[in-house]
Structure formats: C-alpha cells, structure tokens
Amino acid sequence: MKNILINFFATILVAFLLSFVLPWWSVMTAALVTSLFFPLKRAAVFFVPFLAILVFWGLYSFILSSGNDYTLAKRVATLLYLGGNPYMLMIVTGVIGGLAAGFTAIFGKQFAALSIKKR
C-alpha cells in the first residue's frame, strides 16, 4: 500500500514538473520513470499511473478552462460530439492521458524486469 501511494504521488509530481518543459507526452515519461524507481505488482502497474494522470490532467484542464469560463473547452467539446459539455471533455482528456501513462508504466515494468534478468 505504501509503494502504491508513493508511486501515485511521485507520478503526479514528476508529470507536473515535466509539463513545464515538455509537451503532452511528458506524462508518459513520468510514468516510465516512476515505474522504474517505485515498482508495483500485478494490475497496480497499470492502474496507479492511470489514475494519477487521470486526476492530474482532469484537475489541470479544469483549472486552465475555468480561467476563461470554459469557452474553448465548450467549442472543442462540440467538435468532438460531446454535446458542448466541457466537463465531459475533461474526463475524456484525463482518460486519454491515463491510458498513455498506464501503458507506459507497463513498458517500464517490463523493461526493468528485462534489465534485471540480463545481469
């Protein structure tokens, strides 16, 4: 349980710091790094980074969109057939980022196992 919480908050922290200097794929880098340094077992390898980035991107998009009264988010939600609902767009944004982070964390776990096995 302790390792899960450490991985969760470390993923959010690393993703937040990398978001200042890298584009959207920085969440994948954050998930890779945290999966290498804080290993998890079984399904937690996917779901912990998935939930961490879902929360991070969901809150981040909410904070960015609330500054302009959700004007751009409503327009993008209309383009994506979400009925102009900016909150649904934030959920979709979080899920997409979470999927990217989850799959990258699985890759990081497999990479760590492979590099340990070669030694």
PDB file of N, CA and C in Angstrom:
ATOM      1  N   MET A   1       0.825  -1.199   0.000  1.00  0.00           N
ATOM      2  CA  MET A   1       0.000   0.000   0.000  1.00  0.00           C
ATOM      3  C   MET A   1       0.868   1.262   0.000  1.00  0.00           C
ATOM      4  N   LYS A   2       1.962   1.195   0.760  1.00  0.00           N
ATOM      5  CA  LYS A   2       2.854   2.346   0.840  1.00  0.00           C
ATOM      6  C   LYS A   2       3.481   2.647  -0.519  1.00  0.00           C
ATOM      7  N   ASN A   3       3.894   1.591  -1.217  1.00  0.00           N
ATOM      8  CA  ASN A   3       4.518   1.761  -2.527  1.00  0.00           C
ATOM      9  C   ASN A   3       3.523   2.308  -3.551  1.00  0.00           C
ATOM     10  N   ILE A   4       2.256   1.936  -3.409  1.00  0.00           N
ATOM     11  CA  ILE A   4       1.224   2.439  -4.318  1.00  0.00           C
ATOM     12  C   ILE A   4       1.052   3.939  -4.149  1.00  0.00           C
ATOM     13  N   LEU A   5       0.982   4.399  -2.897  1.00  0.00           N
ATOM     14  CA  LEU A   5       0.824   5.836  -2.650  1.00  0.00           C
ATOM     15  C   LEU A   5       2.054   6.622  -3.095  1.00  0.00           C
ATOM     16  N   ILE A   6       3.220   6.069  -2.843  1.00  0.00           N
ATOM     17  CA  ILE A   6       4.449   6.743  -3.282  1.00  0.00           C
ATOM     18  C   ILE A   6       4.465   6.866  -4.799  1.00  0.00           C
ATOM     19  N   ASN A   7       4.128   5.781  -5.490  1.00  0.00           N
ATOM     20  CA  ASN A   7       4.100   5.802  -6.954  1.00  0.00           C
ATOM     21  C   ASN A   7       3.059   6.789  -7.456  1.00  0.00           C
ATOM     22  N   PHE A   8       1.887   6.817  -6.839  1.00  0.00           N
ATOM     23  CA  PHE A   8       0.803   7.711  -7.254  1.00  0.00           C
ATOM     24  C   PHE A   8       1.238   9.175  -7.170  1.00  0.00           C
ATOM     25  N   PHE A   9       1.727   9.574  -6.001  1.00  0.00           N
ATOM     26  CA  PHE A   9       2.100  10.977  -5.823  1.00  0.00           C
ATOM     27  C   PHE A   9       3.384  11.338  -6.574  1.00  0.00           C
ATOM     28  N   ALA A  10       4.304  10.394  -6.696  1.00  0.00           N
ATOM     29  CA  ALA A  10       5.519  10.658  -7.472  1.00  0.00           C
ATOM     30  C   ALA A  10       5.188  10.844  -8.948  1.00  0.00           C
ATOM     31  N   THR A  11       4.239  10.062  -9.455  1.00  0.00           N
ATOM     32  CA  THR A  11       3.834  10.212 -10.859  1.00  0.00           C
ATOM     33  C   THR A  11       3.228  11.586 -11.091  1.00  0.00           C
ATOM     34  N   ILE A  12       2.363  12.020 -10.188  1.00  0.00           N
ATOM     35  CA  ILE A  12       1.752  13.347 -10.325  1.00  0.00           C
ATOM     36  C   ILE A  12       2.819  14.435 -10.237  1.00  0.00           C
ATOM     37  N   LEU A  13       3.723  14.316  -9.281  1.00  0.00           N
ATOM     38  CA  LEU A  13       4.758  15.337  -9.104  1.00  0.00           C
ATOM     39  C   LEU A  13       5.690  15.415 -10.310  1.00  0.00           C
ATOM     40  N   VAL A  14       6.158  14.275 -10.779  1.00  0.00           N
ATOM     41  CA  VAL A  14       7.063  14.266 -11.939  1.00  0.00           C
ATOM     42  C   VAL A  14       6.339  14.770 -13.186  1.00  0.00           C
ATOM     43  N   ALA A  15       5.082  14.366 -13.368  1.00  0.00           N
ATOM     44  CA  ALA A  15       4.311  14.842 -14.526  1.00  0.00           C
ATOM     45  C   ALA A  15       4.105  16.351 -14.458  1.00  0.00           C
ATOM     46  N   PHE A  16       3.844  16.863 -13.261  1.00  0.00           N
ATOM     47  CA  PHE A  16       3.656  18.306 -13.099  1.00  0.00           C
ATOM     48  C   PHE A  16       4.940  19.061 -13.434  1.00  0.00           C
ATOM     49  N   LEU A  17       6.059  18.583 -12.927  1.00  0.00           N
ATOM     50  CA  LEU A  17       7.328  19.266 -13.188  1.00  0.00           C
ATOM     51  C   LEU A  17       7.731  19.175 -14.657  1.00  0.00           C
ATOM     52  N   LEU A  18       7.523  18.017 -15.256  1.00  0.00           N
ATOM     53  CA  LEU A  18       7.885  17.865 -16.667  1.00  0.00           C
ATOM     54  C   LEU A  18       6.949  18.631 -17.601  1.00  0.00           C
ATOM     55  N   SER A  19       5.733  18.912 -17.147  1.00  0.00           N
ATOM     56  CA  SER A  19       4.788  19.627 -18.011  1.00  0.00           C
ATOM     57  C   SER A  19       5.219  21.069 -18.274  1.00  0.00           C
ATOM     58  N   PHE A  20       6.161  21.576 -17.487  1.00  0.00           N
ATOM     59  CA  PHE A  20       6.663  22.922 -17.728  1.00  0.00           C
ATOM     60  C   PHE A  20       7.647  22.977 -18.892  1.00  0.00           C
ATOM     61  N   VAL A  21       8.316  21.860 -19.169  1.00  0.00           N
ATOM     62  CA  VAL A  21       9.370  21.879 -20.181  1.00  0.00           C
ATOM     63  C   VAL A  21       9.130  20.942 -21.360  1.00  0.00           C
ATOM     64  N   LEU A  22       8.197  19.995 -21.236  1.00  0.00           N
ATOM     65  CA  LEU A  22       7.934  19.035 -22.302  1.00  0.00           C
ATOM     66  C   LEU A  22       6.472  19.103 -22.727  1.00  0.00           C
ATOM     67  N   PRO A  23       6.158  18.619 -23.913  1.00  0.00           N
ATOM     68  CA  PRO A  23       4.759  18.608 -24.361  1.00  0.00           C
ATOM     69  C   PRO A  23       3.938  17.531 -23.647  1.00  0.00           C
ATOM     70  N   TRP A  24       2.795  17.208 -24.211  1.00  0.00           N
ATOM     71  CA  TRP A  24       1.831  16.325 -23.564  1.00  0.00           C
ATOM     72  C   TRP A  24       2.403  14.960 -23.209  1.00  0.00           C
ATOM     73  N   TRP A  25       3.373  14.467 -23.955  1.00  0.00           N
ATOM     74  CA  TRP A  25       3.901  13.134 -23.700  1.00  0.00           C
ATOM     75  C   TRP A  25       4.790  13.083 -22.468  1.00  0.00           C
ATOM     76  N   SER A  26       4.932  14.183 -21.768  1.00  0.00           N
ATOM     77  CA  SER A  26       5.703  14.171 -20.523  1.00  0.00           C
ATOM     78  C   SER A  26       5.060  13.268 -19.478  1.00  0.00           C
ATOM     79  N   VAL A  27       3.742  13.040 -19.569  1.00  0.00           N
ATOM     80  CA  VAL A  27       3.090  12.127 -18.626  1.00  0.00           C
ATOM     81  C   VAL A  27       3.586  10.703 -18.839  1.00  0.00           C
ATOM     82  N   MET A  28       3.921  10.373 -20.072  1.00  0.00           N
ATOM     83  CA  MET A  28       4.455   9.042 -20.349  1.00  0.00           C
ATOM     84  C   MET A  28       5.861   8.906 -19.767  1.00  0.00           C
ATOM     85  N   THR A  29       6.643   9.953 -19.849  1.00  0.00           N
ATOM     86  CA  THR A  29       7.972   9.946 -19.248  1.00  0.00           C
ATOM     87  C   THR A  29       7.871   9.823 -17.733  1.00  0.00           C
ATOM     88  N   ALA A  30       6.915  10.533 -17.147  1.00  0.00           N
ATOM     89  CA  ALA A  30       6.716  10.459 -15.697  1.00  0.00           C
ATOM     90  C   ALA A  30       6.325   9.053 -15.264  1.00  0.00           C
ATOM     91  N   ALA A  31       5.428   8.424 -16.003  1.00  0.00           N
ATOM     92  CA  ALA A  31       5.010   7.059 -15.665  1.00  0.00           C
ATOM     93  C   ALA A  31       6.160   6.071 -15.828  1.00  0.00           C
ATOM     94  N   LEU A  32       6.972   6.264 -16.852  1.00  0.00           N
ATOM     95  CA  LEU A  32       8.122   5.380 -17.077  1.00  0.00           C
ATOM     96  C   LEU A  32       9.122   5.498 -15.933  1.00  0.00           C
ATOM     97  N   VAL A  33       9.448   6.717 -15.563  1.00  0.00           N
ATOM     98  CA  VAL A  33      10.437   6.943 -14.504  1.00  0.00           C
ATOM     99  C   VAL A  33       9.938   6.399 -13.169  1.00  0.00           C
ATOM    100  N   THR A  34       8.697   6.682 -12.821  1.00  0.00           N
ATOM    101  CA  THR A  34       8.192   6.210 -11.534  1.00  0.00           C
ATOM    102  C   THR A  34       8.012   4.694 -11.506  1.00  0.00           C
ATOM    103  N   SER A  35       7.708   4.094 -12.648  1.00  0.00           N
ATOM    104  CA  SER A  35       7.589   2.630 -12.655  1.00  0.00           C
ATOM    105  C   SER A  35       8.953   1.957 -12.535  1.00  0.00           C
ATOM    106  N   LEU A  36       9.995   2.637 -12.948  1.00  0.00           N
ATOM    107  CA  LEU A  36      11.341   2.084 -12.790  1.00  0.00           C
ATOM    108  C   LEU A  36      11.832   2.200 -11.346  1.00  0.00           C
ATOM    109  N   PHE A  37      11.532   3.308 -10.687  1.00  0.00           N
ATOM    110  CA  PHE A  37      12.043   3.548  -9.340  1.00  0.00           C
ATOM    111  C   PHE A  37      11.128   3.059  -8.225  1.00  0.00           C
ATOM    112  N   PHE A  38       9.829   2.971  -8.483  1.00  0.00           N
ATOM    113  CA  PHE A  38       8.869   2.501  -7.483  1.00  0.00           C
ATOM    114  C   PHE A  38       8.046   1.370  -8.088  1.00  0.00           C
ATOM    115  N   PRO A  39       8.593   0.162  -8.120  1.00  0.00           N
ATOM    116  CA  PRO A  39       7.908  -0.940  -8.807  1.00  0.00           C
ATOM    117  C   PRO A  39       6.613  -1.346  -8.110  1.00  0.00           C
ATOM    118  N   LEU A  40       5.641  -1.714  -8.915  1.00  0.00           N
ATOM    119  CA  LEU A  40       4.348  -2.180  -8.428  1.00  0.00           C
ATOM    120  C   LEU A  40       4.108  -3.589  -8.936  1.00  0.00           C
ATOM    121  N   LYS A  41       3.075  -4.229  -8.407  1.00  0.00           N
ATOM    122  CA  LYS A  41       2.771  -5.602  -8.799  1.00  0.00           C
ATOM    123  C   LYS A  41       1.401  -5.680  -9.449  1.00  0.00           C
ATOM    124  N   ARG A  42       1.253  -6.637 -10.309  1.00  0.00           N
ATOM    125  CA  ARG A  42       0.011  -7.027 -10.969  1.00  0.00           C
ATOM    126  C   ARG A  42      -0.681  -5.844 -11.634  1.00  0.00           C
ATOM    127  N   ALA A  43      -1.977  -5.694 -11.388  1.00  0.00           N
ATOM    128  CA  ALA A  43      -2.774  -4.670 -12.072  1.00  0.00           C
ATOM    129  C   ALA A  43      -2.430  -3.259 -11.618  1.00  0.00           C
ATOM    130  N   ALA A  44      -1.817  -3.130 -10.445  1.00  0.00           N
ATOM    131  CA  ALA A  44      -1.443  -1.804  -9.946  1.00  0.00           C
ATOM    132  C   ALA A  44      -0.435  -1.128 -10.860  1.00  0.00           C
ATOM    133  N   VAL A  45       0.336  -1.916 -11.598  1.00  0.00           N
ATOM    134  CA  VAL A  45       1.314  -1.352 -12.538  1.00  0.00           C
ATOM    135  C   VAL A  45       0.610  -0.450 -13.544  1.00  0.00           C
ATOM    136  N   PHE A  46      -0.565  -0.852 -14.002  1.00  0.00           N
ATOM    137  CA  PHE A  46      -1.322  -0.050 -14.966  1.00  0.00           C
ATOM    138  C   PHE A  46      -2.197   0.989 -14.272  1.00  0.00           C
ATOM    139  N   PHE A  47      -2.948   0.573 -13.253  1.00  0.00           N
ATOM    140  CA  PHE A  47      -3.998   1.427 -12.709  1.00  0.00           C
ATOM    141  C   PHE A  47      -3.503   2.589 -11.855  1.00  0.00           C
ATOM    142  N   VAL A  48      -2.396   2.452 -11.167  1.00  0.00           N
ATOM    143  CA  VAL A  48      -1.901   3.560 -10.344  1.00  0.00           C
ATOM    144  C   VAL A  48      -1.458   4.743 -11.214  1.00  0.00           C
ATOM    145  N   PRO A  49      -0.592   4.555 -12.230  1.00  0.00           N
ATOM    146  CA  PRO A  49      -0.279   5.693 -13.104  1.00  0.00           C
ATOM    147  C   PRO A  49      -1.494   6.185 -13.892  1.00  0.00           C
ATOM    148  N   PHE A  50      -2.376   5.255 -14.277  1.00  0.00           N
ATOM    149  CA  PHE A  50      -3.597   5.650 -14.983  1.00  0.00           C
ATOM    150  C   PHE A  50      -4.406   6.624 -14.137  1.00  0.00           C
ATOM    151  N   LEU A  51      -4.663   6.269 -12.883  1.00  0.00           N
ATOM    152  CA  LEU A  51      -5.448   7.143 -12.009  1.00  0.00           C
ATOM    153  C   LEU A  51      -4.703   8.428 -11.668  1.00  0.00           C
ATOM    154  N   ALA A  52      -3.384   8.342 -11.502  1.00  0.00           N
ATOM    155  CA  ALA A  52      -2.604   9.539 -11.181  1.00  0.00           C
ATOM    156  C   ALA A  52      -2.690  10.569 -12.300  1.00  0.00           C
ATOM    157  N   ILE A  53      -2.520  10.132 -13.533  1.00  0.00           N
ATOM    158  CA  ILE A  53      -2.566  11.071 -14.652  1.00  0.00           C
ATOM    159  C   ILE A  53      -3.997  11.491 -14.955  1.00  0.00           C
ATOM    160  N   LEU A  54      -4.963  10.606 -14.740  1.00  0.00           N
ATOM    161  CA  LEU A  54      -6.364  10.996 -14.896  1.00  0.00           C
ATOM    162  C   LEU A  54      -6.695  12.146 -13.950  1.00  0.00           C
ATOM    163  N   VAL A  55      -6.270  12.032 -12.702  1.00  0.00           N
ATOM    164  CA  VAL A  55      -6.500  13.103 -11.724  1.00  0.00           C
ATOM    165  C   VAL A  55      -5.725  14.356 -12.114  1.00  0.00           C
ATOM    166  N   PHE A  56      -4.456  14.183 -12.474  1.00  0.00           N
ATOM    167  CA  PHE A  56      -3.623  15.337 -12.818  1.00  0.00           C
ATOM    168  C   PHE A  56      -4.170  16.092 -14.022  1.00  0.00           C
ATOM    169  N   TRP A  57      -4.415  15.389 -15.129  1.00  0.00           N
ATOM    170  CA  TRP A  57      -4.913  16.065 -16.330  1.00  0.00           C
ATOM    171  C   TRP A  57      -6.332  16.581 -16.138  1.00  0.00           C
ATOM    172  N   GLY A  58      -7.148  15.857 -15.394  1.00  0.00           N
ATOM    173  CA  GLY A  58      -8.506  16.334 -15.137  1.00  0.00           C
ATOM    174  C   GLY A  58      -8.501  17.642 -14.364  1.00  0.00           C
ATOM    175  N   LEU A  59      -7.728  17.692 -13.283  1.00  0.00           N
ATOM    176  CA  LEU A  59      -7.641  18.926 -12.494  1.00  0.00           C
ATOM    177  C   LEU A  59      -6.947  20.044 -13.262  1.00  0.00           C
ATOM    178  N   TYR A  60      -5.907  19.700 -13.985  1.00  0.00           N
ATOM    179  CA  TYR A  60      -5.164  20.703 -14.742  1.00  0.00           C
ATOM    180  C   TYR A  60      -6.036  21.327 -15.836  1.00  0.00           C
ATOM    181  N   SER A  61      -6.797  20.494 -16.533  1.00  0.00           N
ATOM    182  CA  SER A  61      -7.676  21.038 -17.571  1.00  0.00           C
ATOM    183  C   SER A  61      -8.824  21.832 -16.958  1.00  0.00           C
ATOM    184  N   PHE A  62      -9.286  21.429 -15.779  1.00  0.00           N
ATOM    185  CA  PHE A  62     -10.327  22.199 -15.094  1.00  0.00           C
ATOM    186  C   PHE A  62      -9.805  23.573 -14.698  1.00  0.00           C
ATOM    187  N   ILE A  63      -8.603  23.624 -14.145  1.00  0.00           N
ATOM    188  CA  ILE A  63      -8.020  24.900 -13.726  1.00  0.00           C
ATOM    189  C   ILE A  63      -7.779  25.806 -14.930  1.00  0.00           C
ATOM    190  N   LEU A  64      -7.239  25.248 -16.016  1.00  0.00           N
ATOM    191  CA  LEU A  64      -6.996  26.059 -17.208  1.00  0.00           C
ATOM    192  C   LEU A  64      -8.296  26.553 -17.834  1.00  0.00           C
ATOM    193  N   SER A  65      -9.308  25.707 -17.865  1.00  0.00           N
ATOM    194  CA  SER A  65     -10.563  26.080 -18.516  1.00  0.00           C
ATOM    195  C   SER A  65     -11.394  27.035 -17.679  1.00  0.00           C
ATOM    196  N   SER A  66     -11.300  26.937 -16.368  1.00  0.00           N
ATOM    197  CA  SER A  66     -12.110  27.818 -15.530  1.00  0.00           C
ATOM    198  C   SER A  66     -11.645  29.270 -15.627  1.00  0.00           C
ATOM    199  N   GLY A  67     -10.412  29.484 -16.039  1.00  0.00           N
ATOM    200  CA  GLY A  67      -9.898  30.843 -16.182  1.00  0.00           C
ATOM    201  C   GLY A  67     -10.561  31.627 -17.297  1.00  0.00           C
ATOM    202  N   ASN A  68     -11.101  30.949 -18.308  1.00  0.00           N
ATOM    203  CA  ASN A  68     -11.761  31.647 -19.417  1.00  0.00           C
ATOM    204  C   ASN A  68     -13.223  31.230 -19.560  1.00  0.00           C
ATOM    205  N   ASP A  69     -13.819  30.789 -18.451  1.00  0.00           N
ATOM    206  CA  ASP A  69     -15.240  30.417 -18.404  1.00  0.00           C
ATOM    207  C   ASP A  69     -15.562  29.284 -19.378  1.00  0.00           C
ATOM    208  N   TYR A  70     -14.620  28.375 -19.570  1.00  0.00           N
ATOM    209  CA  TYR A  70     -14.800  27.159 -20.376  1.00  0.00           C
ATOM    210  C   TYR A  70     -15.134  27.441 -21.842  1.00  0.00           C
ATOM    211  N   THR A  71     -14.757  28.596 -22.342  1.00  0.00           N
ATOM    212  CA  THR A  71     -15.096  28.968 -23.715  1.00  0.00           C
ATOM    213  C   THR A  71     -14.478  28.013 -24.731  1.00  0.00           C
ATOM    214  N   LEU A  72     -13.188  27.823 -24.666  1.00  0.00           N
ATOM    215  CA  LEU A  72     -12.524  26.933 -25.624  1.00  0.00           C
ATOM    216  C   LEU A  72     -12.932  25.478 -25.404  1.00  0.00           C
ATOM    217  N   ALA A  73     -13.080  25.079 -24.149  1.00  0.00           N
ATOM    218  CA  ALA A  73     -13.463  23.693 -23.854  1.00  0.00           C
ATOM    219  C   ALA A  73     -14.847  23.374 -24.417  1.00  0.00           C
ATOM    220  N   LYS A  74     -15.762  24.330 -24.369  1.00  0.00           N
ATOM    221  CA  LYS A  74     -17.103  24.111 -24.935  1.00  0.00           C
ATOM    222  C   LYS A  74     -17.028  23.935 -26.447  1.00  0.00           C
ATOM    223  N   ARG A  75     -16.190  24.722 -27.083  1.00  0.00           N
ATOM    224  CA  ARG A  75     -16.067  24.625 -28.547  1.00  0.00           C
ATOM    225  C   ARG A  75     -15.410  23.314 -28.970  1.00  0.00           C
ATOM    226  N   VAL A  76     -14.382  22.913 -28.258  1.00  0.00           N
ATOM    227  CA  VAL A  76     -13.723  21.645 -28.581  1.00  0.00           C
ATOM    228  C   VAL A  76     -14.662  20.481 -28.291  1.00  0.00           C
ATOM    229  N   ALA A  77     -15.425  20.562 -27.207  1.00  0.00           N
ATOM    230  CA  ALA A  77     -16.391  19.510 -26.886  1.00  0.00           C
ATOM    231  C   ALA A  77     -17.470  19.414 -27.955  1.00  0.00           C
ATOM    232  N   THR A  78     -17.819  20.525 -28.567  1.00  0.00           N
ATOM    233  CA  THR A  78     -18.781  20.500 -29.673  1.00  0.00           C
ATOM    234  C   THR A  78     -18.172  19.806 -30.889  1.00  0.00           C
ATOM    235  N   LEU A  79     -16.905  20.083 -31.170  1.00  0.00           N
ATOM    236  CA  LEU A  79     -16.234  19.445 -32.306  1.00  0.00           C
ATOM    237  C   LEU A  79     -16.099  17.934 -32.125  1.00  0.00           C
ATOM    238  N   LEU A  80     -15.951  17.489 -30.889  1.00  0.00           N
ATOM    239  CA  LEU A  80     -15.767  16.066 -30.604  1.00  0.00           C
ATOM    240  C   LEU A  80     -17.085  15.349 -30.306  1.00  0.00           C
ATOM    241  N   TYR A  81     -18.192  15.972 -30.628  1.00  0.00           N
ATOM    242  CA  TYR A  81     -19.524  15.389 -30.437  1.00  0.00           C
ATOM    243  C   TYR A  81     -19.790  15.011 -28.979  1.00  0.00           C
ATOM    244  N   LEU A  82     -19.367  15.862 -28.065  1.00  0.00           N
ATOM    245  CA  LEU A  82     -19.641  15.668 -26.648  1.00  0.00           C
ATOM    246  C   LEU A  82     -20.776  16.570 -26.183  1.00  0.00           C
ATOM    247  N   GLY A  83     -21.508  17.116 -27.107  1.00  0.00           N
ATOM    248  CA  GLY A  83     -22.649  17.960 -26.780  1.00  0.00           C
ATOM    249  C   GLY A  83     -22.273  19.303 -26.188  1.00  0.00           C
ATOM    250  N   GLY A  84     -21.070  19.750 -26.410  1.00  0.00           N
ATOM    251  CA  GLY A  84     -20.638  21.035 -25.873  1.00  0.00           C
ATOM    252  C   GLY A  84     -20.395  21.004 -24.377  1.00  0.00           C
ATOM    253  N   ASN A  85     -20.285  19.828 -23.794  1.00  0.00           N
ATOM    254  CA  ASN A  85     -20.091  19.675 -22.356  1.00  0.00           C
ATOM    255  C   ASN A  85     -18.596  19.722 -22.020  1.00  0.00           C
ATOM    256  N   PRO A  86     -18.120  20.810 -21.402  1.00  0.00           N
ATOM    257  CA  PRO A  86     -16.685  20.913 -21.122  1.00  0.00           C
ATOM    258  C   PRO A  86     -16.215  19.913 -20.070  1.00  0.00           C
ATOM    259  N   TYR A  87     -17.099  19.517 -19.162  1.00  0.00           N
ATOM    260  CA  TYR A  87     -16.708  18.563 -18.120  1.00  0.00           C
ATOM    261  C   TYR A  87     -16.486  17.169 -18.706  1.00  0.00           C
ATOM    262  N   MET A  88     -17.291  16.819 -19.689  1.00  0.00           N
ATOM    263  CA  MET A  88     -17.088  15.541 -20.367  1.00  0.00           C
ATOM    264  C   MET A  88     -15.751  15.551 -21.112  1.00  0.00           C
ATOM    265  N   LEU A  89     -15.408  16.697 -21.686  1.00  0.00           N
ATOM    266  CA  LEU A  89     -14.115  16.831 -22.361  1.00  0.00           C
ATOM    267  C   LEU A  89     -12.967  16.646 -21.374  1.00  0.00           C
ATOM    268  N   MET A  90     -13.116  17.158 -20.161  1.00  0.00           N
ATOM    269  CA  MET A  90     -12.080  16.994 -19.139  1.00  0.00           C
ATOM    270  C   MET A  90     -11.925  15.531 -18.746  1.00  0.00           C
ATOM    271  N   ILE A  91     -13.028  14.805 -18.676  1.00  0.00           N
ATOM    272  CA  ILE A  91     -12.966  13.379 -18.360  1.00  0.00           C
ATOM    273  C   ILE A  91     -12.276  12.618 -19.491  1.00  0.00           C
ATOM    274  N   VAL A  92     -12.653  12.927 -20.731  1.00  0.00           N
ATOM    275  CA  VAL A  92     -12.026  12.269 -21.884  1.00  0.00           C
ATOM    276  C   VAL A  92     -10.534  12.587 -21.924  1.00  0.00           C
ATOM    277  N   THR A  93     -10.179  13.824 -21.632  1.00  0.00           N
ATOM    278  CA  THR A  93      -8.772  14.224 -21.592  1.00  0.00           C
ATOM    279  C   THR A  93      -8.005  13.415 -20.554  1.00  0.00           C
ATOM    280  N   GLY A  94      -8.585  13.290 -19.368  1.00  0.00           N
ATOM    281  CA  GLY A  94      -7.942  12.517 -18.308  1.00  0.00           C
ATOM    282  C   GLY A  94      -7.792  11.050 -18.655  1.00  0.00           C
ATOM    283  N   VAL A  95      -8.814  10.476 -19.283  1.00  0.00           N
ATOM    284  CA  VAL A  95      -8.759   9.055 -19.653  1.00  0.00           C
ATOM    285  C   VAL A  95      -7.687   8.807 -20.711  1.00  0.00           C
ATOM    286  N   ILE A  96      -7.596   9.689 -21.690  1.00  0.00           N
ATOM    287  CA  ILE A  96      -6.572   9.524 -22.732  1.00  0.00           C
ATOM    288  C   ILE A  96      -5.170   9.623 -22.127  1.00  0.00           C
ATOM    289  N   GLY A  97      -4.954  10.605 -21.278  1.00  0.00           N
ATOM    290  CA  GLY A  97      -3.660  10.718 -20.610  1.00  0.00           C
ATOM    291  C   GLY A  97      -3.380   9.540 -19.700  1.00  0.00           C
ATOM    292  N   GLY A  98      -4.412   9.069 -19.009  1.00  0.00           N
ATOM    293  CA  GLY A  98      -4.253   7.913 -18.132  1.00  0.00           C
ATOM    294  C   GLY A  98      -3.895   6.652 -18.888  1.00  0.00           C
ATOM    295  N   LEU A  99      -4.520   6.448 -20.037  1.00  0.00           N
ATOM    296  CA  LEU A  99      -4.188   5.279 -20.860  1.00  0.00           C
ATOM    297  C   LEU A  99      -2.735   5.330 -21.322  1.00  0.00           C
ATOM    298  N   ALA A 100      -2.311   6.507 -21.759  1.00  0.00           N
ATOM    299  CA  ALA A 100      -0.917   6.658 -22.196  1.00  0.00           C
ATOM    300  C   ALA A 100       0.043   6.366 -21.044  1.00  0.00           C
ATOM    301  N   ALA A 101      -0.264   6.876 -19.866  1.00  0.00           N
ATOM    302  CA  ALA A 101       0.608   6.652 -18.713  1.00  0.00           C
ATOM    303  C   ALA A 101       0.579   5.199 -18.254  1.00  0.00           C
ATOM    304  N   GLY A 102      -0.589   4.591 -18.266  1.00  0.00           N
ATOM    305  CA  GLY A 102      -0.702   3.202 -17.825  1.00  0.00           C
ATOM    306  C   GLY A 102       0.075   2.247 -18.706  1.00  0.00           C
ATOM    307  N   PHE A 103      -0.068   2.406 -20.015  1.00  0.00           N
ATOM    308  CA  PHE A 103       0.668   1.529 -20.929  1.00  0.00           C
ATOM    309  C   PHE A 103       2.174   1.771 -20.848  1.00  0.00           C
ATOM    310  N   THR A 104       2.574   3.003 -20.631  1.00  0.00           N
ATOM    311  CA  THR A 104       4.000   3.297 -20.494  1.00  0.00           C
ATOM    312  C   THR A 104       4.556   2.716 -19.201  1.00  0.00           C
ATOM    313  N   ALA A 105       3.757   2.719 -18.146  1.00  0.00           N
ATOM    314  CA  ALA A 105       4.204   2.119 -16.887  1.00  0.00           C
ATOM    315  C   ALA A 105       4.385   0.612 -17.031  1.00  0.00           C
ATOM    316  N   ILE A 106       3.502  -0.030 -17.792  1.00  0.00           N
ATOM    317  CA  ILE A 106       3.673  -1.463 -18.057  1.00  0.00           C
ATOM    318  C   ILE A 106       4.982  -1.693 -18.808  1.00  0.00           C
ATOM    319  N   PHE A 107       5.257  -0.845 -19.789  1.00  0.00           N
ATOM    320  CA  PHE A 107       6.523  -0.940 -20.516  1.00  0.00           C
ATOM    321  C   PHE A 107       7.703  -0.758 -19.566  1.00  0.00           C
ATOM    322  N   GLY A 108       7.612   0.216 -18.658  1.00  0.00           N
ATOM    323  CA  GLY A 108       8.692   0.446 -17.697  1.00  0.00           C
ATOM    324  C   GLY A 108       8.919  -0.744 -16.788  1.00  0.00           C
ATOM    325  N   LYS A 109       7.840  -1.374 -16.348  1.00  0.00           N
ATOM    326  CA  LYS A 109       7.951  -2.570 -15.503  1.00  0.00           C
ATOM    327  C   LYS A 109       8.619  -3.709 -16.271  1.00  0.00           C
ATOM    328  N   GLN A 110       8.222  -3.907 -17.523  1.00  0.00           N
ATOM    329  CA  GLN A 110       8.820  -4.965 -18.341  1.00  0.00           C
ATOM    330  C   GLN A 110      10.289  -4.664 -18.647  1.00  0.00           C
ATOM    331  N   PHE A 111      10.593  -3.401 -18.888  1.00  0.00           N
ATOM    332  CA  PHE A 111      11.975  -3.000 -19.147  1.00  0.00           C
ATOM    333  C   PHE A 111      12.842  -3.244 -17.922  1.00  0.00           C
ATOM    334  N   ALA A 112      12.333  -2.918 -16.735  1.00  0.00           N
ATOM    335  CA  ALA A 112      13.087  -3.153 -15.501  1.00  0.00           C
ATOM    336  C   ALA A 112      13.309  -4.644 -15.279  1.00  0.00           C
ATOM    337  N   ALA A 113      12.283  -5.446 -15.536  1.00  0.00           N
ATOM    338  CA  ALA A 113      12.419  -6.897 -15.374  1.00  0.00           C
ATOM    339  C   ALA A 113      13.424  -7.463 -16.373  1.00  0.00           C
ATOM    340  N   LEU A 114      13.426  -6.955 -17.582  1.00  0.00           N
ATOM    341  CA  LEU A 114      14.358  -7.422 -18.606  1.00  0.00           C
ATOM    342  C   LEU A 114      15.789  -7.041 -18.265  1.00  0.00           C
ATOM    343  N   SER A 115      16.002  -5.825 -17.794  1.00  0.00           N
ATOM    344  CA  SER A 115      17.360  -5.389 -17.480  1.00  0.00           C
ATOM    345  C   SER A 115      17.899  -6.094 -16.239  1.00  0.00           C
ATOM    346  N   ILE A 116      17.048  -6.443 -15.293  1.00  0.00           N
ATOM    347  CA  ILE A 116      17.495  -7.192 -14.115  1.00  0.00           C
ATOM    348  C   ILE A 116      17.826  -8.628 -14.509  1.00  0.00           C
ATOM    349  N   LYS A 117      17.036  -9.191 -15.414  1.00  0.00           N
ATOM    350  CA  LYS A 117      17.230 -10.572 -15.851  1.00  0.00           C
ATOM    351  C   LYS A 117      18.556 -10.738 -16.597  1.00  0.00           C
ATOM    352  N   LYS A 118      18.991  -9.724 -17.327  1.00  0.00           N
ATOM    353  CA  LYS A 118      20.232  -9.813 -18.106  1.00  0.00           C
ATOM    354  C   LYS A 118      21.467  -9.783 -17.221  1.00  0.00           C
ATOM    355  N   ARG A 119      21.364  -9.260 -16.030  1.00  0.00           N
ATOM    356  CA  ARG A 119      22.534  -9.165 -15.141  1.00  0.00           C
ATOM    357  C   ARG A 119      22.906 -10.475 -14.647  1.00  0.00           C
TER     358      ARG A 119
END
